[in-house]
Amino acid sequence: YYVIGGGIKTSIFQDNVAATNGIVHYIERVLGVPYQSLWEILRNETRLQRSYEMLTNLQLRYSLDPWQVLTPEQNFTFFVPTNEAWDLKVAPSLRARMNDGNHWLALQYVYKRHIIQGQ
């Protein structure tokens, strides 16, 4: 596993170390200062294009507005499904329905399970 922060990619060499008030992951390098919003990262990362397209549809349906939620001022953790995750775990017909603009509540439900506010 690895993390990226401010353009610095580093591997996690020990994960899930329990603390009294949270979980600690030991990393091999100091992360850089972020210079892109999550929205910019989603837009520019080729492995996340399915999630980017689906989040764009949610914005149009007044839920999980990326222009409001995915900003540097927000404090949250977002577990973003990759293109491969969508392809392997979600049937193409279901993926198409969730992205057709008529089933945005189902898509919203999926993404809300991938965001942890305040962390």
PDB file of N, CA and C in Angstrom:
ATOM      1  N   TYR A   1       0.830  -1.179   0.000  1.00  0.00           N
ATOM      2  CA  TYR A   1       0.000   0.000   0.000  1.00  0.00           C
ATOM      3  C   TYR A   1       0.874   1.242   0.000  1.00  0.00           C
ATOM      4  N   TYR A   2       0.329   2.332  -0.536  1.00  0.00           N
ATOM      5  CA  TYR A   2       1.068   3.581  -0.541  1.00  0.00           C
ATOM      6  C   TYR A   2       0.099   4.746  -0.383  1.00  0.00           C
ATOM      7  N   VAL A   3       0.646   5.908  -0.083  1.00  0.00           N
ATOM      8  CA  VAL A   3      -0.132   7.141   0.008  1.00  0.00           C
ATOM      9  C   VAL A   3       0.589   8.206  -0.798  1.00  0.00           C
ATOM     10  N   ILE A   4      -0.174   9.212  -1.226  1.00  0.00           N
ATOM     11  CA  ILE A   4       0.386  10.334  -1.969  1.00  0.00           C
ATOM     12  C   ILE A   4      -0.029  11.609  -1.261  1.00  0.00           C
ATOM     13  N   GLY A   5       0.902  12.503  -1.070  1.00  0.00           N
ATOM     14  CA  GLY A   5       0.593  13.800  -0.472  1.00  0.00           C
ATOM     15  C   GLY A   5       1.510  14.855  -1.034  1.00  0.00           C
ATOM     16  N   GLY A   6       0.928  15.870  -1.675  1.00  0.00           N
ATOM     17  CA  GLY A   6       1.731  16.950  -2.228  1.00  0.00           C
ATOM     18  C   GLY A   6       2.717  16.481  -3.281  1.00  0.00           C
ATOM     19  N   GLY A   7       2.311  15.498  -4.080  1.00  0.00           N
ATOM     20  CA  GLY A   7       3.173  14.995  -5.135  1.00  0.00           C
ATOM     21  C   GLY A   7       4.215  13.991  -4.668  1.00  0.00           C
ATOM     22  N   ILE A   8       4.231  13.666  -3.384  1.00  0.00           N
ATOM     23  CA  ILE A   8       5.176  12.695  -2.838  1.00  0.00           C
ATOM     24  C   ILE A   8       4.442  11.375  -2.624  1.00  0.00           C
ATOM     25  N   LYS A   9       4.962  10.309  -3.223  1.00  0.00           N
ATOM     26  CA  LYS A   9       4.385   8.977  -3.060  1.00  0.00           C
ATOM     27  C   LYS A   9       5.295   8.172  -2.143  1.00  0.00           C
ATOM     28  N   THR A  10       4.712   7.538  -1.148  1.00  0.00           N
ATOM     29  CA  THR A  10       5.500   6.728  -0.222  1.00  0.00           C
ATOM     30  C   THR A  10       4.723   5.476   0.165  1.00  0.00           C
ATOM     31  N   SER A  11       5.458   4.449   0.475  1.00  0.00           N
ATOM     32  CA  SER A  11       4.799   3.203   0.868  1.00  0.00           C
ATOM     33  C   SER A  11       4.519   3.196   2.365  1.00  0.00           C
ATOM     34  N   ILE A  12       3.494   2.452   2.717  1.00  0.00           N
ATOM     35  CA  ILE A  12       3.144   2.249   4.123  1.00  0.00           C
ATOM     36  C   ILE A  12       3.881   0.995   4.565  1.00  0.00           C
ATOM     37  N   PHE A  13       4.779   1.124   5.540  1.00  0.00           N
ATOM     38  CA  PHE A  13       5.517  -0.071   5.946  1.00  0.00           C
ATOM     39  C   PHE A  13       4.932  -0.734   7.177  1.00  0.00           C
ATOM     40  N   GLN A  14       4.048  -0.059   7.902  1.00  0.00           N
ATOM     41  CA  GLN A  14       3.283  -0.714   8.965  1.00  0.00           C
ATOM     42  C   GLN A  14       1.945   0.003   9.048  1.00  0.00           C
ATOM     43  N   ASP A  15       0.877  -0.752   8.903  1.00  0.00           N
ATOM     44  CA  ASP A  15      -0.439  -0.117   8.897  1.00  0.00           C
ATOM     45  C   ASP A  15      -1.282  -0.576  10.082  1.00  0.00           C
ATOM     46  N   ASN A  16      -2.337   0.181  10.320  1.00  0.00           N
ATOM     47  CA  ASN A  16      -3.345  -0.153  11.324  1.00  0.00           C
ATOM     48  C   ASN A  16      -2.778  -0.357  12.730  1.00  0.00           C
ATOM     49  N   VAL A  17      -1.917   0.544  13.161  1.00  0.00           N
ATOM     50  CA  VAL A  17      -1.397   0.509  14.526  1.00  0.00           C
ATOM     51  C   VAL A  17      -2.416   1.216  15.412  1.00  0.00           C
ATOM     52  N   ALA A  18      -2.993   0.495  16.359  1.00  0.00           N
ATOM     53  CA  ALA A  18      -4.070   1.040  17.190  1.00  0.00           C
ATOM     54  C   ALA A  18      -3.525   2.061  18.181  1.00  0.00           C
ATOM     55  N   ALA A  19      -4.255   3.165  18.311  1.00  0.00           N
ATOM     56  CA  ALA A  19      -3.980   4.185  19.318  1.00  0.00           C
ATOM     57  C   ALA A  19      -5.277   4.416  20.084  1.00  0.00           C
ATOM     58  N   THR A  20      -5.220   5.117  21.191  1.00  0.00           N
ATOM     59  CA  THR A  20      -6.435   5.321  21.989  1.00  0.00           C
ATOM     60  C   THR A  20      -7.457   6.190  21.271  1.00  0.00           C
ATOM     61  N   ASN A  21      -7.016   7.011  20.331  1.00  0.00           N
ATOM     62  CA  ASN A  21      -7.945   7.916  19.654  1.00  0.00           C
ATOM     63  C   ASN A  21      -7.900   7.787  18.138  1.00  0.00           C
ATOM     64  N   GLY A  22      -7.420   6.674  17.609  1.00  0.00           N
ATOM     65  CA  GLY A  22      -7.392   6.505  16.164  1.00  0.00           C
ATOM     66  C   GLY A  22      -6.471   5.383  15.729  1.00  0.00           C
ATOM     67  N   ILE A  23      -6.103   5.426  14.466  1.00  0.00           N
ATOM     68  CA  ILE A  23      -5.241   4.428  13.847  1.00  0.00           C
ATOM     69  C   ILE A  23      -4.042   5.151  13.243  1.00  0.00           C
ATOM     70  N   VAL A  24      -2.854   4.559  13.375  1.00  0.00           N
ATOM     71  CA  VAL A  24      -1.629   5.137  12.829  1.00  0.00           C
ATOM     72  C   VAL A  24      -1.102   4.217  11.734  1.00  0.00           C
ATOM     73  N   HIS A  25      -0.646   4.826  10.634  1.00  0.00           N
ATOM     74  CA  HIS A  25       0.039   4.102   9.565  1.00  0.00           C
ATOM     75  C   HIS A  25       1.445   4.681   9.472  1.00  0.00           C
ATOM     76  N   TYR A  26       2.473   3.849   9.570  1.00  0.00           N
ATOM     77  CA  TYR A  26       3.855   4.310   9.456  1.00  0.00           C
ATOM     78  C   TYR A  26       4.228   4.367   7.978  1.00  0.00           C
ATOM     79  N   ILE A  27       4.791   5.498   7.561  1.00  0.00           N
ATOM     80  CA  ILE A  27       5.191   5.670   6.164  1.00  0.00           C
ATOM     81  C   ILE A  27       6.688   5.925   6.087  1.00  0.00           C
ATOM     82  N   GLU A  28       7.260   5.723   4.893  1.00  0.00           N
ATOM     83  CA  GLU A  28       8.709   5.788   4.717  1.00  0.00           C
ATOM     84  C   GLU A  28       9.245   7.181   4.411  1.00  0.00           C
ATOM     85  N   ARG A  29       8.402   8.103   3.986  1.00  0.00           N
ATOM     86  CA  ARG A  29       8.860   9.445   3.622  1.00  0.00           C
ATOM     87  C   ARG A  29       7.884  10.482   4.152  1.00  0.00           C
ATOM     88  N   VAL A  30       8.363  11.699   4.294  1.00  0.00           N
ATOM     89  CA  VAL A  30       7.495  12.813   4.675  1.00  0.00           C
ATOM     90  C   VAL A  30       6.679  13.209   3.451  1.00  0.00           C
ATOM     91  N   LEU A  31       5.376  13.361   3.632  1.00  0.00           N
ATOM     92  CA  LEU A  31       4.510  13.768   2.530  1.00  0.00           C
ATOM     93  C   LEU A  31       4.679  15.253   2.260  1.00  0.00           C
ATOM     94  N   GLY A  32       4.515  15.625   1.010  1.00  0.00           N
ATOM     95  CA  GLY A  32       4.612  17.029   0.633  1.00  0.00           C
ATOM     96  C   GLY A  32       3.338  17.781   0.956  1.00  0.00           C
ATOM     97  N   VAL A  33       3.392  19.069   0.752  1.00  0.00           N
ATOM     98  CA  VAL A  33       2.227  19.930   0.965  1.00  0.00           C
ATOM     99  C   VAL A  33       1.310  19.780  -0.242  1.00  0.00           C
ATOM    100  N   PRO A  34       0.024  19.493  -0.032  1.00  0.00           N
ATOM    101  CA  PRO A  34      -0.896  19.327  -1.164  1.00  0.00           C
ATOM    102  C   PRO A  34      -0.987  20.607  -1.996  1.00  0.00           C
ATOM    103  N   TYR A  35      -1.008  20.442  -3.291  1.00  0.00           N
ATOM    104  CA  TYR A  35      -1.148  21.586  -4.180  1.00  0.00           C
ATOM    105  C   TYR A  35      -2.311  21.412  -5.151  1.00  0.00           C
ATOM    106  N   GLN A  36      -3.002  20.273  -5.097  1.00  0.00           N
ATOM    107  CA  GLN A  36      -4.178  20.032  -5.931  1.00  0.00           C
ATOM    108  C   GLN A  36      -5.345  19.646  -5.041  1.00  0.00           C
ATOM    109  N   SER A  37      -6.542  20.038  -5.454  1.00  0.00           N
ATOM    110  CA  SER A  37      -7.738  19.581  -4.747  1.00  0.00           C
ATOM    111  C   SER A  37      -8.005  18.130  -5.140  1.00  0.00           C
ATOM    112  N   LEU A  38      -8.823  17.458  -4.359  1.00  0.00           N
ATOM    113  CA  LEU A  38      -9.203  16.091  -4.726  1.00  0.00           C
ATOM    114  C   LEU A  38      -9.897  16.072  -6.081  1.00  0.00           C
ATOM    115  N   TRP A  39     -10.701  17.087  -6.342  1.00  0.00           N
ATOM    116  CA  TRP A  39     -11.396  17.151  -7.626  1.00  0.00           C
ATOM    117  C   TRP A  39     -10.395  17.198  -8.777  1.00  0.00           C
ATOM    118  N   GLU A  40      -9.328  17.984  -8.637  1.00  0.00           N
ATOM    119  CA  GLU A  40      -8.303  18.055  -9.682  1.00  0.00           C
ATOM    120  C   GLU A  40      -7.590  16.716  -9.847  1.00  0.00           C
ATOM    121  N   ILE A  41      -7.304  16.060  -8.744  1.00  0.00           N
ATOM    122  CA  ILE A  41      -6.656  14.748  -8.820  1.00  0.00           C
ATOM    123  C   ILE A  41      -7.560  13.754  -9.540  1.00  0.00           C
ATOM    124  N   LEU A  42      -8.838  13.730  -9.181  1.00  0.00           N
ATOM    125  CA  LEU A  42      -9.783  12.821  -9.845  1.00  0.00           C
ATOM    126  C   LEU A  42      -9.854  13.111 -11.337  1.00  0.00           C
ATOM    127  N   ARG A  43      -9.916  14.387 -11.681  1.00  0.00           N
ATOM    128  CA  ARG A  43     -10.040  14.783 -13.083  1.00  0.00           C
ATOM    129  C   ARG A  43      -8.810  14.369 -13.892  1.00  0.00           C
ATOM    130  N   ASN A  44      -7.626  14.405 -13.274  1.00  0.00           N
ATOM    131  CA  ASN A  44      -6.383  14.187 -14.013  1.00  0.00           C
ATOM    132  C   ASN A  44      -5.817  12.774 -13.927  1.00  0.00           C
ATOM    133  N   GLU A  45      -6.300  11.961 -13.017  1.00  0.00           N
ATOM    134  CA  GLU A  45      -5.762  10.605 -12.828  1.00  0.00           C
ATOM    135  C   GLU A  45      -6.513   9.618 -13.724  1.00  0.00           C
ATOM    136  N   THR A  46      -5.823   9.027 -14.681  1.00  0.00           N
ATOM    137  CA  THR A  46      -6.489   8.146 -15.646  1.00  0.00           C
ATOM    138  C   THR A  46      -7.139   6.937 -14.984  1.00  0.00           C
ATOM    139  N   ARG A  47      -6.569   6.433 -13.885  1.00  0.00           N
ATOM    140  CA  ARG A  47      -7.138   5.253 -13.218  1.00  0.00           C
ATOM    141  C   ARG A  47      -8.430   5.560 -12.473  1.00  0.00           C
ATOM    142  N   LEU A  48      -8.803   6.832 -12.364  1.00  0.00           N
ATOM    143  CA  LEU A  48      -9.996   7.217 -11.604  1.00  0.00           C
ATOM    144  C   LEU A  48     -11.074   7.845 -12.479  1.00  0.00           C
ATOM    145  N   GLN A  49     -10.986   7.681 -13.784  1.00  0.00           N
ATOM    146  CA  GLN A  49     -11.911   8.366 -14.681  1.00  0.00           C
ATOM    147  C   GLN A  49     -13.364   7.924 -14.528  1.00  0.00           C
ATOM    148  N   ARG A  50     -13.618   6.655 -14.243  1.00  0.00           N
ATOM    149  CA  ARG A  50     -15.007   6.222 -14.030  1.00  0.00           C
ATOM    150  C   ARG A  50     -15.589   6.936 -12.813  1.00  0.00           C
ATOM    151  N   SER A  51     -14.828   7.014 -11.737  1.00  0.00           N
ATOM    152  CA  SER A  51     -15.309   7.714 -10.542  1.00  0.00           C
ATOM    153  C   SER A  51     -15.494   9.199 -10.835  1.00  0.00           C
ATOM    154  N   TYR A  52     -14.579   9.800 -11.561  1.00  0.00           N
ATOM    155  CA  TYR A  52     -14.702  11.218 -11.927  1.00  0.00           C
ATOM    156  C   TYR A  52     -15.989  11.463 -12.717  1.00  0.00           C
ATOM    157  N   GLU A  53     -16.252  10.627 -13.716  1.00  0.00           N
ATOM    158  CA  GLU A  53     -17.459  10.782 -14.532  1.00  0.00           C
ATOM    159  C   GLU A  53     -18.717  10.610 -13.687  1.00  0.00           C
ATOM    160  N   MET A  54     -18.706   9.634 -12.802  1.00  0.00           N
ATOM    161  CA  MET A  54     -19.879   9.401 -11.961  1.00  0.00           C
ATOM    162  C   MET A  54     -20.084  10.539 -10.969  1.00  0.00           C
ATOM    163  N   LEU A  55     -19.006  11.058 -10.402  1.00  0.00           N
ATOM    164  CA  LEU A  55     -19.138  12.197  -9.491  1.00  0.00           C
ATOM    165  C   LEU A  55     -19.630  13.432 -10.223  1.00  0.00           C
ATOM    166  N   THR A  56     -19.248  13.585 -11.472  1.00  0.00           N
ATOM    167  CA  THR A  56     -19.757  14.695 -12.273  1.00  0.00           C
ATOM    168  C   THR A  56     -21.267  14.565 -12.429  1.00  0.00           C
ATOM    169  N   ASN A  57     -21.754  13.355 -12.666  1.00  0.00           N
ATOM    170  CA  ASN A  57     -23.201  13.137 -12.759  1.00  0.00           C
ATOM    171  C   ASN A  57     -23.893  13.454 -11.445  1.00  0.00           C
ATOM    172  N   LEU A  58     -23.279  13.110 -10.328  1.00  0.00           N
ATOM    173  CA  LEU A  58     -23.881  13.431  -9.035  1.00  0.00           C
ATOM    174  C   LEU A  58     -23.978  14.932  -8.843  1.00  0.00           C
ATOM    175  N   GLN A  59     -22.976  15.664  -9.272  1.00  0.00           N
ATOM    176  CA  GLN A  59     -23.012  17.120  -9.155  1.00  0.00           C
ATOM    177  C   GLN A  59     -24.218  17.673  -9.910  1.00  0.00           C
ATOM    178  N   LEU A  60     -24.496  17.117 -11.049  1.00  0.00           N
ATOM    179  CA  LEU A  60     -25.627  17.582 -11.845  1.00  0.00           C
ATOM    180  C   LEU A  60     -26.957  17.223 -11.200  1.00  0.00           C
ATOM    181  N   ARG A  61     -26.944  16.238 -10.309  1.00  0.00           N
ATOM    182  CA  ARG A  61     -28.167  15.799  -9.636  1.00  0.00           C
ATOM    183  C   ARG A  61     -28.255  16.332  -8.209  1.00  0.00           C
ATOM    184  N   TYR A  62     -27.508  17.380  -7.908  1.00  0.00           N
ATOM    185  CA  TYR A  62     -27.600  18.084  -6.617  1.00  0.00           C
ATOM    186  C   TYR A  62     -27.256  17.217  -5.414  1.00  0.00           C
ATOM    187  N   SER A  63     -26.384  16.272  -5.597  1.00  0.00           N
ATOM    188  CA  SER A  63     -25.945  15.481  -4.451  1.00  0.00           C
ATOM    189  C   SER A  63     -24.448  15.248  -4.574  1.00  0.00           C
ATOM    190  N   LEU A  64     -23.752  15.346  -3.471  1.00  0.00           N
ATOM    191  CA  LEU A  64     -22.307  15.197  -3.432  1.00  0.00           C
ATOM    192  C   LEU A  64     -21.629  16.103  -4.454  1.00  0.00           C
ATOM    193  N   ASP A  65     -22.008  17.379  -4.420  1.00  0.00           N
ATOM    194  CA  ASP A  65     -21.491  18.367  -5.356  1.00  0.00           C
ATOM    195  C   ASP A  65     -19.974  18.467  -5.237  1.00  0.00           C
ATOM    196  N   PRO A  66     -19.230  18.019  -6.255  1.00  0.00           N
ATOM    197  CA  PRO A  66     -17.781  18.041  -6.133  1.00  0.00           C
ATOM    198  C   PRO A  66     -17.196  19.436  -6.006  1.00  0.00           C
ATOM    199  N   TRP A  67     -17.890  20.437  -6.495  1.00  0.00           N
ATOM    200  CA  TRP A  67     -17.349  21.795  -6.379  1.00  0.00           C
ATOM    201  C   TRP A  67     -17.469  22.303  -4.952  1.00  0.00           C
ATOM    202  N   GLN A  68     -18.345  21.715  -4.159  1.00  0.00           N
ATOM    203  CA  GLN A  68     -18.490  22.095  -2.761  1.00  0.00           C
ATOM    204  C   GLN A  68     -17.799  21.117  -1.818  1.00  0.00           C
ATOM    205  N   VAL A  69     -17.877  19.840  -2.111  1.00  0.00           N
ATOM    206  CA  VAL A  69     -17.355  18.821  -1.202  1.00  0.00           C
ATOM    207  C   VAL A  69     -15.853  18.626  -1.383  1.00  0.00           C
ATOM    208  N   LEU A  70     -15.388  18.565  -2.608  1.00  0.00           N
ATOM    209  CA  LEU A  70     -13.989  18.234  -2.862  1.00  0.00           C
ATOM    210  C   LEU A  70     -13.135  19.494  -2.937  1.00  0.00           C
ATOM    211  N   THR A  71     -13.010  20.193  -1.834  1.00  0.00           N
ATOM    212  CA  THR A  71     -12.200  21.405  -1.772  1.00  0.00           C
ATOM    213  C   THR A  71     -11.155  21.259  -0.677  1.00  0.00           C
ATOM    214  N   PRO A  72     -10.077  22.032  -0.735  1.00  0.00           N
ATOM    215  CA  PRO A  72      -9.032  21.925   0.290  1.00  0.00           C
ATOM    216  C   PRO A  72      -9.519  22.265   1.693  1.00  0.00           C
ATOM    217  N   GLU A  73     -10.596  23.042   1.814  1.00  0.00           N
ATOM    218  CA  GLU A  73     -11.098  23.433   3.126  1.00  0.00           C
ATOM    219  C   GLU A  73     -11.785  22.292   3.861  1.00  0.00           C
ATOM    220  N   GLN A  74     -12.199  21.271   3.154  1.00  0.00           N
ATOM    221  CA  GLN A  74     -12.885  20.140   3.765  1.00  0.00           C
ATOM    222  C   GLN A  74     -11.868  19.190   4.384  1.00  0.00           C
ATOM    223  N   ASN A  75     -12.281  18.516   5.432  1.00  0.00           N
ATOM    224  CA  ASN A  75     -11.425  17.541   6.090  1.00  0.00           C
ATOM    225  C   ASN A  75     -12.137  16.195   6.053  1.00  0.00           C
ATOM    226  N   PHE A  76     -11.711  15.309   5.180  1.00  0.00           N
ATOM    227  CA  PHE A  76     -12.335  13.997   5.072  1.00  0.00           C
ATOM    228  C   PHE A  76     -11.388  13.038   4.372  1.00  0.00           C
ATOM    229  N   THR A  77     -11.719  11.775   4.455  1.00  0.00           N
ATOM    230  CA  THR A  77     -10.983  10.731   3.751  1.00  0.00           C
ATOM    231  C   THR A  77     -11.905  10.154   2.692  1.00  0.00           C
ATOM    232  N   PHE A  78     -11.402  10.040   1.477  1.00  0.00           N
ATOM    233  CA  PHE A  78     -12.193   9.547   0.358  1.00  0.00           C
ATOM    234  C   PHE A  78     -11.495   8.313  -0.203  1.00  0.00           C
ATOM    235  N   PHE A  79     -12.161   7.172  -0.111  1.00  0.00           N
ATOM    236  CA  PHE A  79     -11.670   5.930  -0.698  1.00  0.00           C
ATOM    237  C   PHE A  79     -12.256   5.852  -2.106  1.00  0.00           C
ATOM    238  N   VAL A  80     -11.467   6.230  -3.100  1.00  0.00           N
ATOM    239  CA  VAL A  80     -11.960   6.374  -4.471  1.00  0.00           C
ATOM    240  C   VAL A  80     -11.819   5.055  -5.222  1.00  0.00           C
ATOM    241  N   PRO A  81     -12.942   4.503  -5.708  1.00  0.00           N
ATOM    242  CA  PRO A  81     -12.846   3.284  -6.517  1.00  0.00           C
ATOM    243  C   PRO A  81     -12.112   3.563  -7.837  1.00  0.00           C
ATOM    244  N   THR A  82     -11.184   2.702  -8.176  1.00  0.00           N
ATOM    245  CA  THR A  82     -10.464   2.834  -9.442  1.00  0.00           C
ATOM    246  C   THR A  82     -11.332   2.302 -10.579  1.00  0.00           C
ATOM    247  N   ASN A  83     -10.901   2.566 -11.805  1.00  0.00           N
ATOM    248  CA  ASN A  83     -11.599   2.003 -12.966  1.00  0.00           C
ATOM    249  C   ASN A  83     -11.666   0.483 -12.851  1.00  0.00           C
ATOM    250  N   GLU A  84     -10.565  -0.119 -12.428  1.00  0.00           N
ATOM    251  CA  GLU A  84     -10.518  -1.577 -12.288  1.00  0.00           C
ATOM    252  C   GLU A  84     -11.539  -2.075 -11.263  1.00  0.00           C
ATOM    253  N   ALA A  85     -11.683  -1.354 -10.164  1.00  0.00           N
ATOM    254  CA  ALA A  85     -12.665  -1.760  -9.148  1.00  0.00           C
ATOM    255  C   ALA A  85     -14.073  -1.730  -9.730  1.00  0.00           C
ATOM    256  N   TRP A  86     -14.391  -0.669 -10.462  1.00  0.00           N
ATOM    257  CA  TRP A  86     -15.721  -0.594 -11.086  1.00  0.00           C
ATOM    258  C   TRP A  86     -15.910  -1.734 -12.081  1.00  0.00           C
ATOM    259  N   ASP A  87     -14.876  -2.028 -12.868  1.00  0.00           N
ATOM    260  CA  ASP A  87     -14.982  -3.068 -13.894  1.00  0.00           C
ATOM    261  C   ASP A  87     -15.104  -4.464 -13.296  1.00  0.00           C
ATOM    262  N   LEU A  88     -14.375  -4.725 -12.209  1.00  0.00           N
ATOM    263  CA  LEU A  88     -14.363  -6.068 -11.629  1.00  0.00           C
ATOM    264  C   LEU A  88     -15.537  -6.345 -10.704  1.00  0.00           C
ATOM    265  N   LYS A  89     -16.029  -5.338 -10.016  1.00  0.00           N
ATOM    266  CA  LYS A  89     -17.012  -5.563  -8.953  1.00  0.00           C
ATOM    267  C   LYS A  89     -18.434  -5.155  -9.300  1.00  0.00           C
ATOM    268  N   VAL A  90     -18.614  -4.396 -10.360  1.00  0.00           N
ATOM    269  CA  VAL A  90     -19.957  -3.921 -10.701  1.00  0.00           C
ATOM    270  C   VAL A  90     -20.270  -4.356 -12.129  1.00  0.00           C
ATOM    271  N   ALA A  91     -21.370  -5.058 -12.293  1.00  0.00           N
ATOM    272  CA  ALA A  91     -21.774  -5.529 -13.618  1.00  0.00           C
ATOM    273  C   ALA A  91     -21.935  -4.338 -14.562  1.00  0.00           C
ATOM    274  N   PRO A  92     -21.523  -4.483 -15.828  1.00  0.00           N
ATOM    275  CA  PRO A  92     -21.620  -3.366 -16.772  1.00  0.00           C
ATOM    276  C   PRO A  92     -23.027  -2.776 -16.876  1.00  0.00           C
ATOM    277  N   SER A  93     -24.054  -3.613 -16.826  1.00  0.00           N
ATOM    278  CA  SER A  93     -25.421  -3.093 -16.933  1.00  0.00           C
ATOM    279  C   SER A  93     -25.776  -2.232 -15.721  1.00  0.00           C
ATOM    280  N   LEU A  94     -25.351  -2.649 -14.532  1.00  0.00           N
ATOM    281  CA  LEU A  94     -25.613  -1.862 -13.326  1.00  0.00           C
ATOM    282  C   LEU A  94     -24.809  -0.568 -13.343  1.00  0.00           C
ATOM    283  N   ARG A  95     -23.555  -0.643 -13.769  1.00  0.00           N
ATOM    284  CA  ARG A  95     -22.712   0.548 -13.863  1.00  0.00           C
ATOM    285  C   ARG A  95     -23.324   1.554 -14.836  1.00  0.00           C
ATOM    286  N   ALA A  96     -23.826   1.073 -15.955  1.00  0.00           N
ATOM    287  CA  ALA A  96     -24.453   1.961 -16.937  1.00  0.00           C
ATOM    288  C   ALA A  96     -25.704   2.611 -16.363  1.00  0.00           C
ATOM    289  N   ARG A  97     -26.509   1.842 -15.636  1.00  0.00           N
ATOM    290  CA  ARG A  97     -27.718   2.415 -15.021  1.00  0.00           C
ATOM    291  C   ARG A  97     -27.361   3.481 -13.997  1.00  0.00           C
ATOM    292  N   MET A  98     -26.335   3.210 -13.176  1.00  0.00           N
ATOM    293  CA  MET A  98     -25.959   4.182 -12.148  1.00  0.00           C
ATOM    294  C   MET A  98     -25.411   5.463 -12.766  1.00  0.00           C
ATOM    295  N   ASN A  99     -24.939   5.389 -13.992  1.00  0.00           N
ATOM    296  CA  ASN A  99     -24.322   6.545 -14.638  1.00  0.00           C
ATOM    297  C   ASN A  99     -25.231   7.190 -15.682  1.00  0.00           C
ATOM    298  N   ASP A 100     -26.474   6.717 -15.797  1.00  0.00           N
ATOM    299  CA  ASP A 100     -27.347   7.243 -16.850  1.00  0.00           C
ATOM    300  C   ASP A 100     -28.096   8.513 -16.461  1.00  0.00           C
ATOM    301  N   GLY A 101     -27.930   8.961 -15.222  1.00  0.00           N
ATOM    302  CA  GLY A 101     -28.601  10.179 -14.782  1.00  0.00           C
ATOM    303  C   GLY A 101     -29.955   9.944 -14.154  1.00  0.00           C
ATOM    304  N   ASN A 102     -30.495   8.736 -14.261  1.00  0.00           N
ATOM    305  CA  ASN A 102     -31.804   8.428 -13.691  1.00  0.00           C
ATOM    306  C   ASN A 102     -31.720   7.673 -12.370  1.00  0.00           C
ATOM    307  N   HIS A 103     -30.566   7.158 -12.046  1.00  0.00           N
ATOM    308  CA  HIS A 103     -30.398   6.340 -10.838  1.00  0.00           C
ATOM    309  C   HIS A 103     -29.344   6.951  -9.918  1.00  0.00           C
ATOM    310  N   TRP A 104     -29.359   8.253  -9.794  1.00  0.00           N
ATOM    311  CA  TRP A 104     -28.334   8.956  -9.023  1.00  0.00           C
ATOM    312  C   TRP A 104     -28.390   8.651  -7.536  1.00  0.00           C
ATOM    313  N   LEU A 105     -29.553   8.255  -7.012  1.00  0.00           N
ATOM    314  CA  LEU A 105     -29.616   7.913  -5.586  1.00  0.00           C
ATOM    315  C   LEU A 105     -28.784   6.671  -5.269  1.00  0.00           C
ATOM    316  N   ALA A 106     -28.806   5.690  -6.167  1.00  0.00           N
ATOM    317  CA  ALA A 106     -27.987   4.488  -5.965  1.00  0.00           C
ATOM    318  C   ALA A 106     -26.505   4.846  -6.007  1.00  0.00           C
ATOM    319  N   LEU A 107     -26.143   5.703  -6.936  1.00  0.00           N
ATOM    320  CA  LEU A 107     -24.751   6.129  -7.044  1.00  0.00           C
ATOM    321  C   LEU A 107     -24.338   6.949  -5.823  1.00  0.00           C
ATOM    322  N   GLN A 108     -25.221   7.799  -5.363  1.00  0.00           N
ATOM    323  CA  GLN A 108     -24.950   8.587  -4.157  1.00  0.00           C
ATOM    324  C   GLN A 108     -24.719   7.656  -2.964  1.00  0.00           C
ATOM    325  N   TYR A 109     -25.519   6.629  -2.846  1.00  0.00           N
ATOM    326  CA  TYR A 109     -25.375   5.662  -1.758  1.00  0.00           C
ATOM    327  C   TYR A 109     -23.996   5.010  -1.793  1.00  0.00           C
ATOM    328  N   VAL A 110     -23.549   4.616  -2.975  1.00  0.00           N
ATOM    329  CA  VAL A 110     -22.234   3.992  -3.113  1.00  0.00           C
ATOM    330  C   VAL A 110     -21.146   4.953  -2.646  1.00  0.00           C
ATOM    331  N   TYR A 111     -21.182   6.189  -3.111  1.00  0.00           N
ATOM    332  CA  TYR A 111     -20.111   7.131  -2.768  1.00  0.00           C
ATOM    333  C   TYR A 111     -20.145   7.563  -1.310  1.00  0.00           C
ATOM    334  N   LYS A 112     -21.309   7.680  -0.731  1.00  0.00           N
ATOM    335  CA  LYS A 112     -21.367   8.057   0.686  1.00  0.00           C
ATOM    336  C   LYS A 112     -20.708   7.001   1.565  1.00  0.00           C
ATOM    337  N   ARG A 113     -20.682   5.766   1.109  1.00  0.00           N
ATOM    338  CA  ARG A 113     -20.017   4.695   1.858  1.00  0.00           C
ATOM    339  C   ARG A 113     -18.507   4.741   1.676  1.00  0.00           C
ATOM    340  N   HIS A 114     -18.001   5.604   0.794  1.00  0.00           N
ATOM    341  CA  HIS A 114     -16.566   5.717   0.532  1.00  0.00           C
ATOM    342  C   HIS A 114     -15.957   7.002   1.098  1.00  0.00           C
ATOM    343  N   ILE A 115     -16.749   7.793   1.807  1.00  0.00           N
ATOM    344  CA  ILE A 115     -16.268   9.062   2.358  1.00  0.00           C
ATOM    345  C   ILE A 115     -16.442   9.058   3.868  1.00  0.00           C
ATOM    346  N   ILE A 116     -15.381   9.427   4.569  1.00  0.00           N
ATOM    347  CA  ILE A 116     -15.442   9.573   6.020  1.00  0.00           C
ATOM    348  C   ILE A 116     -15.221  11.048   6.330  1.00  0.00           C
ATOM    349  N   GLN A 117     -16.264  11.734   6.767  1.00  0.00           N
ATOM    350  CA  GLN A 117     -16.174  13.166   7.083  1.00  0.00           C
ATOM    351  C   GLN A 117     -15.371  13.386   8.355  1.00  0.00           C
ATOM    352  N   GLY A 118     -14.659  14.490   8.395  1.00  0.00           N
ATOM    353  CA  GLY A 118     -13.966  14.907   9.603  1.00  0.00           C
ATOM    354  C   GLY A 118     -12.688  14.153   9.898  1.00  0.00           C
ATOM    355  N   GLN A 119     -12.172  13.415   8.935  1.00  0.00           N
ATOM    356  CA  GLN A 119     -10.934  12.660   9.168  1.00  0.00           C
ATOM    357  C   GLN A 119      -9.993  12.825   8.004  1.00  0.00           C
TER     358      GLN A 119
END
